[in-house]
Amino acid sequence: MSTSTARPTPPAGANADFAARALKPVKRSLARSPHADRIRFRIEDGEPDLEVPREAVELLATVLSHMAAGRTVSIVPEHAELTTQQAADMLNVSRPFLIGLLEAGEIDYRKVGTHRRIKAQSLIEYQRQDDQKRRAAADELTALNQEMGLI
């Protein structure tokens, strides 16, 4: 897999605006065919329509949405193996913190010689579980605040 170790820069100004404008017709195409497996696009007059799998168009809409909001987007295949630095960058944590998670068994990894490799799928699963725990904790705090009459 060829992933960049350099930190991508978030889209700014004109690129964010351009992404926002491009997002509108993509969303319209998805809304027009809510149950279609493929979405048709006309690229140029006189050329045949381009048929794109719905999942790819939904991914494009997600990418454009993040770009329009000025957020950086990285696409990594689920089967990819990442270095500890790449994984730490994806989680937005330090490399030592990530290694602590690995050694605690929070995220699956394997060793290649002395180097750790983390499957992107394991990282994604950790993010999902962490998000669920965070939401549950926030819900619990909200419930406690309501019980105490603070909200």
C-alpha atoms as a PDB file:
ATOM      1  CA  MET A   1       0.000   0.000   0.000  1.00  0.00           C
ATOM      2  CA  SER A   2       1.273   3.438  -0.721  1.00  0.00           C
ATOM      3  CA  THR A   3       0.194   5.818   1.999  1.00  0.00           C
ATOM      4  CA  SER A   4       1.865   9.111   2.605  1.00  0.00           C
ATOM      5  CA  THR A   5       3.527   9.727   5.926  1.00  0.00           C
ATOM      6  CA  ALA A   6       3.263  13.484   5.394  1.00  0.00           C
ATOM      7  CA  ARG A   7       0.303  15.132   7.048  1.00  0.00           C
ATOM      8  CA  PRO A   8      -2.167  16.286   4.408  1.00  0.00           C
ATOM      9  CA  THR A   9      -3.293  19.873   4.665  1.00  0.00           C
ATOM     10  CA  PRO A  10      -6.985  20.689   4.946  1.00  0.00           C
ATOM     11  CA  PRO A  11      -8.645  22.266   1.920  1.00  0.00           C
ATOM     12  CA  ALA A  12      -8.981  25.996   2.229  1.00  0.00           C
ATOM     13  CA  GLY A  13     -10.709  28.878   0.527  1.00  0.00           C
ATOM     14  CA  ALA A  14     -11.385  28.182  -3.127  1.00  0.00           C
ATOM     15  CA  ASN A  15     -11.023  24.397  -2.838  1.00  0.00           C
ATOM     16  CA  ALA A  16     -13.491  24.216   0.050  1.00  0.00           C
ATOM     17  CA  ASP A  17     -15.949  26.389  -1.890  1.00  0.00           C
ATOM     18  CA  PHE A  18     -15.456  24.313  -5.033  1.00  0.00           C
ATOM     19  CA  ALA A  19     -16.107  21.117  -3.043  1.00  0.00           C
ATOM     20  CA  ALA A  20     -19.317  22.640  -1.624  1.00  0.00           C
ATOM     21  CA  ARG A  21     -20.549  23.504  -5.127  1.00  0.00           C
ATOM     22  CA  ALA A  22     -19.645  20.040  -6.460  1.00  0.00           C
ATOM     23  CA  LEU A  23     -21.444  18.363  -3.554  1.00  0.00           C
ATOM     24  CA  LYS A  24     -24.873  19.734  -4.526  1.00  0.00           C
ATOM     25  CA  PRO A  25     -25.279  17.885  -7.871  1.00  0.00           C
ATOM     26  CA  VAL A  26     -23.807  14.715  -6.364  1.00  0.00           C
ATOM     27  CA  LYS A  27     -26.409  14.796  -3.564  1.00  0.00           C
ATOM     28  CA  ARG A  28     -29.169  15.526  -6.099  1.00  0.00           C
ATOM     29  CA  SER A  29     -28.122  12.483  -8.130  1.00  0.00           C
ATOM     30  CA  LEU A  30     -28.264  10.286  -5.037  1.00  0.00           C
ATOM     31  CA  ALA A  31     -31.660  11.686  -3.999  1.00  0.00           C
ATOM     32  CA  ARG A  32     -33.116  11.206  -7.480  1.00  0.00           C
ATOM     33  CA  SER A  33     -32.356   7.474  -7.374  1.00  0.00           C
ATOM     34  CA  PRO A  34     -32.619   6.451  -3.707  1.00  0.00           C
ATOM     35  CA  HIS A  35     -32.765   2.699  -4.423  1.00  0.00           C
ATOM     36  CA  ALA A  36     -30.527   2.478  -7.503  1.00  0.00           C
ATOM     37  CA  ASP A  37     -27.370   0.360  -7.340  1.00  0.00           C
ATOM     38  CA  ARG A  38     -25.707   2.626  -9.923  1.00  0.00           C
ATOM     39  CA  ILE A  39     -25.820   6.357 -10.522  1.00  0.00           C
ATOM     40  CA  ARG A  40     -25.510   7.821 -14.022  1.00  0.00           C
ATOM     41  CA  PHE A  41     -23.471  10.925 -14.709  1.00  0.00           C
ATOM     42  CA  ARG A  42     -23.176  12.888 -17.927  1.00  0.00           C
ATOM     43  CA  ILE A  43     -19.580  13.969 -18.243  1.00  0.00           C
ATOM     44  CA  GLU A  44     -19.668  15.559 -21.705  1.00  0.00           C
ATOM     45  CA  ASP A  45     -22.377  16.081 -24.291  1.00  0.00           C
ATOM     46  CA  GLY A  46     -22.212  13.451 -27.002  1.00  0.00           C
ATOM     47  CA  GLU A  47     -20.358  10.989 -24.763  1.00  0.00           C
ATOM     48  CA  PRO A  48     -22.044   7.966 -23.175  1.00  0.00           C
ATOM     49  CA  ASP A  49     -23.203   8.412 -19.578  1.00  0.00           C
ATOM     50  CA  LEU A  50     -20.851   7.227 -16.877  1.00  0.00           C
ATOM     51  CA  GLU A  51     -22.368   4.628 -14.528  1.00  0.00           C
ATOM     52  CA  VAL A  52     -20.844   4.618 -11.072  1.00  0.00           C
ATOM     53  CA  PRO A  53     -21.625   2.221  -8.190  1.00  0.00           C
ATOM     54  CA  ARG A  54     -23.823   3.919  -5.583  1.00  0.00           C
ATOM     55  CA  GLU A  55     -21.300   3.214  -2.823  1.00  0.00           C
ATOM     56  CA  ALA A  56     -18.624   5.121  -4.771  1.00  0.00           C
ATOM     57  CA  VAL A  57     -20.948   8.104  -5.251  1.00  0.00           C
ATOM     58  CA  GLU A  58     -21.841   8.070  -1.541  1.00  0.00           C
ATOM     59  CA  LEU A  59     -18.124   8.020  -0.723  1.00  0.00           C
ATOM     60  CA  LEU A  60     -17.567  10.952  -3.092  1.00  0.00           C
ATOM     61  CA  ALA A  61     -20.378  12.858  -1.353  1.00  0.00           C
ATOM     62  CA  THR A  62     -18.769  12.194   2.034  1.00  0.00           C
ATOM     63  CA  VAL A  63     -15.348  13.330   0.796  1.00  0.00           C
ATOM     64  CA  LEU A  64     -16.788  16.504  -0.745  1.00  0.00           C
ATOM     65  CA  SER A  65     -18.766  17.229   2.421  1.00  0.00           C
ATOM     66  CA  HIS A  66     -15.641  17.029   4.585  1.00  0.00           C
ATOM     67  CA  MET A  67     -13.634  19.101   2.107  1.00  0.00           C
ATOM     68  CA  ALA A  68     -16.385  21.739   2.001  1.00  0.00           C
ATOM     69  CA  ALA A  69     -16.145  21.958   5.801  1.00  0.00           C
ATOM     70  CA  GLY A  70     -12.378  22.454   5.524  1.00  0.00           C
ATOM     71  CA  ARG A  71     -11.479  19.050   6.965  1.00  0.00           C
ATOM     72  CA  THR A  72      -8.673  16.837   5.704  1.00  0.00           C
ATOM     73  CA  VAL A  73      -9.703  13.550   4.096  1.00  0.00           C
ATOM     74  CA  SER A  74      -7.624  10.379   3.812  1.00  0.00           C
ATOM     75  CA  ILE A  75      -8.843   7.201   2.170  1.00  0.00           C
ATOM     76  CA  VAL A  76      -7.265   3.955   3.343  1.00  0.00           C
ATOM     77  CA  PRO A  77      -8.394   0.485   2.202  1.00  0.00           C
ATOM     78  CA  GLU A  78      -9.653  -1.687   5.079  1.00  0.00           C
ATOM     79  CA  HIS A  79      -7.099  -4.417   4.318  1.00  0.00           C
ATOM     80  CA  ALA A  80      -4.138  -2.008   4.425  1.00  0.00           C
ATOM     81  CA  GLU A  81      -1.472  -2.368   7.078  1.00  0.00           C
ATOM     82  CA  LEU A  82      -0.297   0.839   8.697  1.00  0.00           C
ATOM     83  CA  THR A  83       2.831   1.804  10.570  1.00  0.00           C
ATOM     84  CA  THR A  84       2.413   2.976  14.141  1.00  0.00           C
ATOM     85  CA  GLN A  85       2.950   6.575  13.014  1.00  0.00           C
ATOM     86  CA  GLN A  86       0.292   6.325  10.285  1.00  0.00           C
ATOM     87  CA  ALA A  87      -2.151   4.732  12.752  1.00  0.00           C
ATOM     88  CA  ALA A  88      -1.432   7.411  15.368  1.00  0.00           C
ATOM     89  CA  ASP A  89      -2.028  10.102  12.747  1.00  0.00           C
ATOM     90  CA  MET A  90      -5.379   8.526  11.820  1.00  0.00           C
ATOM     91  CA  LEU A  91      -6.471   8.516  15.466  1.00  0.00           C
ATOM     92  CA  ASN A  92      -4.991  11.982  16.031  1.00  0.00           C
ATOM     93  CA  VAL A  93      -2.980  10.725  19.004  1.00  0.00           C
ATOM     94  CA  SER A  94       0.726  10.508  19.743  1.00  0.00           C
ATOM     95  CA  ARG A  95       2.681   7.452  18.668  1.00  0.00           C
ATOM     96  CA  PRO A  96       3.559   6.532  22.313  1.00  0.00           C
ATOM     97  CA  PHE A  97      -0.149   6.702  23.250  1.00  0.00           C
ATOM     98  CA  LEU A  98      -0.999   4.400  20.317  1.00  0.00           C
ATOM     99  CA  ILE A  99       1.696   1.927  21.359  1.00  0.00           C
ATOM    100  CA  GLY A 100       0.122   1.874  24.822  1.00  0.00           C
ATOM    101  CA  LEU A 101      -3.228   0.969  23.224  1.00  0.00           C
ATOM    102  CA  LEU A 102      -1.555  -1.791  21.208  1.00  0.00           C
ATOM    103  CA  GLU A 103       0.233  -3.259  24.219  1.00  0.00           C
ATOM    104  CA  ALA A 104      -2.975  -3.095  26.282  1.00  0.00           C
ATOM    105  CA  GLY A 105      -4.721  -5.196  23.619  1.00  0.00           C
ATOM    106  CA  GLU A 106      -7.129  -2.410  22.639  1.00  0.00           C
ATOM    107  CA  ILE A 107      -6.131  -2.633  18.955  1.00  0.00           C
ATOM    108  CA  ASP A 108      -4.993  -5.759  17.095  1.00  0.00           C
ATOM    109  CA  TYR A 109      -1.578  -5.653  15.459  1.00  0.00           C
ATOM    110  CA  ARG A 110       1.187  -7.927  14.281  1.00  0.00           C
ATOM    111  CA  LYS A 111       4.942  -7.665  14.373  1.00  0.00           C
ATOM    112  CA  VAL A 112       7.142  -7.691  11.305  1.00  0.00           C
ATOM    113  CA  GLY A 113      10.595  -8.139  12.768  1.00  0.00           C
ATOM    114  CA  THR A 114      10.702  -5.446  15.431  1.00  0.00           C
ATOM    115  CA  HIS A 115       8.076  -3.260  13.753  1.00  0.00           C
ATOM    116  CA  ARG A 116       4.375  -3.204  14.580  1.00  0.00           C
ATOM    117  CA  ARG A 117       1.809  -3.229  11.765  1.00  0.00           C
ATOM    118  CA  ILE A 118      -1.826  -2.351  12.369  1.00  0.00           C
ATOM    119  CA  LYS A 119      -4.597  -3.385  10.010  1.00  0.00           C
ATOM    120  CA  ALA A 120      -6.734  -0.427   9.048  1.00  0.00           C
ATOM    121  CA  GLN A 121      -9.820  -2.540   9.827  1.00  0.00           C
ATOM    122  CA  SER A 122      -8.620  -3.000  13.431  1.00  0.00           C
ATOM    123  CA  LEU A 123      -8.110   0.736  13.739  1.00  0.00           C
ATOM    124  CA  ILE A 124     -11.562   1.475  12.322  1.00  0.00           C
ATOM    125  CA  GLU A 125     -13.136  -1.018  14.737  1.00  0.00           C
ATOM    126  CA  TYR A 126     -11.321   0.610  17.666  1.00  0.00           C
ATOM    127  CA  GLN A 127     -12.611   4.037  16.550  1.00  0.00           C
ATOM    128  CA  ARG A 128     -16.187   2.712  16.397  1.00  0.00           C
ATOM    129  CA  GLN A 129     -15.976   1.154  19.855  1.00  0.00           C
ATOM    130  CA  ASP A 130     -14.334   4.267  21.304  1.00  0.00           C
ATOM    131  CA  ASP A 131     -17.050   6.476  19.783  1.00  0.00           C
ATOM    132  CA  GLN A 132     -19.751   4.216  21.274  1.00  0.00           C
ATOM    133  CA  LYS A 133     -18.133   4.399  24.730  1.00  0.00           C
ATOM    134  CA  ARG A 134     -17.864   8.168  24.453  1.00  0.00           C
ATOM    135  CA  ARG A 135     -21.527   8.533  23.428  1.00  0.00           C
ATOM    136  CA  ALA A 136     -22.632   6.248  26.271  1.00  0.00           C
ATOM    137  CA  ALA A 137     -20.634   8.312  28.783  1.00  0.00           C
ATOM    138  CA  ALA A 138     -22.107  11.560  27.434  1.00  0.00           C
ATOM    139  CA  ASP A 139     -25.623  10.098  27.621  1.00  0.00           C
ATOM    140  CA  GLU A 140     -25.007   8.997  31.202  1.00  0.00           C
ATOM    141  CA  LEU A 141     -23.770  12.470  32.174  1.00  0.00           C
ATOM    142  CA  THR A 142     -26.802  14.053  30.524  1.00  0.00           C
ATOM    143  CA  ALA A 143     -29.126  11.711  32.429  1.00  0.00           C
ATOM    144  CA  LEU A 144     -27.382  12.527  35.724  1.00  0.00           C
ATOM    145  CA  ASN A 145     -27.646  16.259  35.039  1.00  0.00           C
ATOM    146  CA  GLN A 146     -31.354  15.876  34.315  1.00  0.00           C
ATOM    147  CA  GLU A 147     -31.894  13.867  37.518  1.00  0.00           C
ATOM    148  CA  MET A 148     -30.136  16.578  39.505  1.00  0.00           C
ATOM    149  CA  GLY A 149     -32.180  19.281  37.790  1.00  0.00           C
ATOM    150  CA  LEU A 150     -29.153  20.950  36.232  1.00  0.00           C
ATOM    151  CA  ILE A 151     -30.616  20.779  32.751  1.00  0.00           C
END
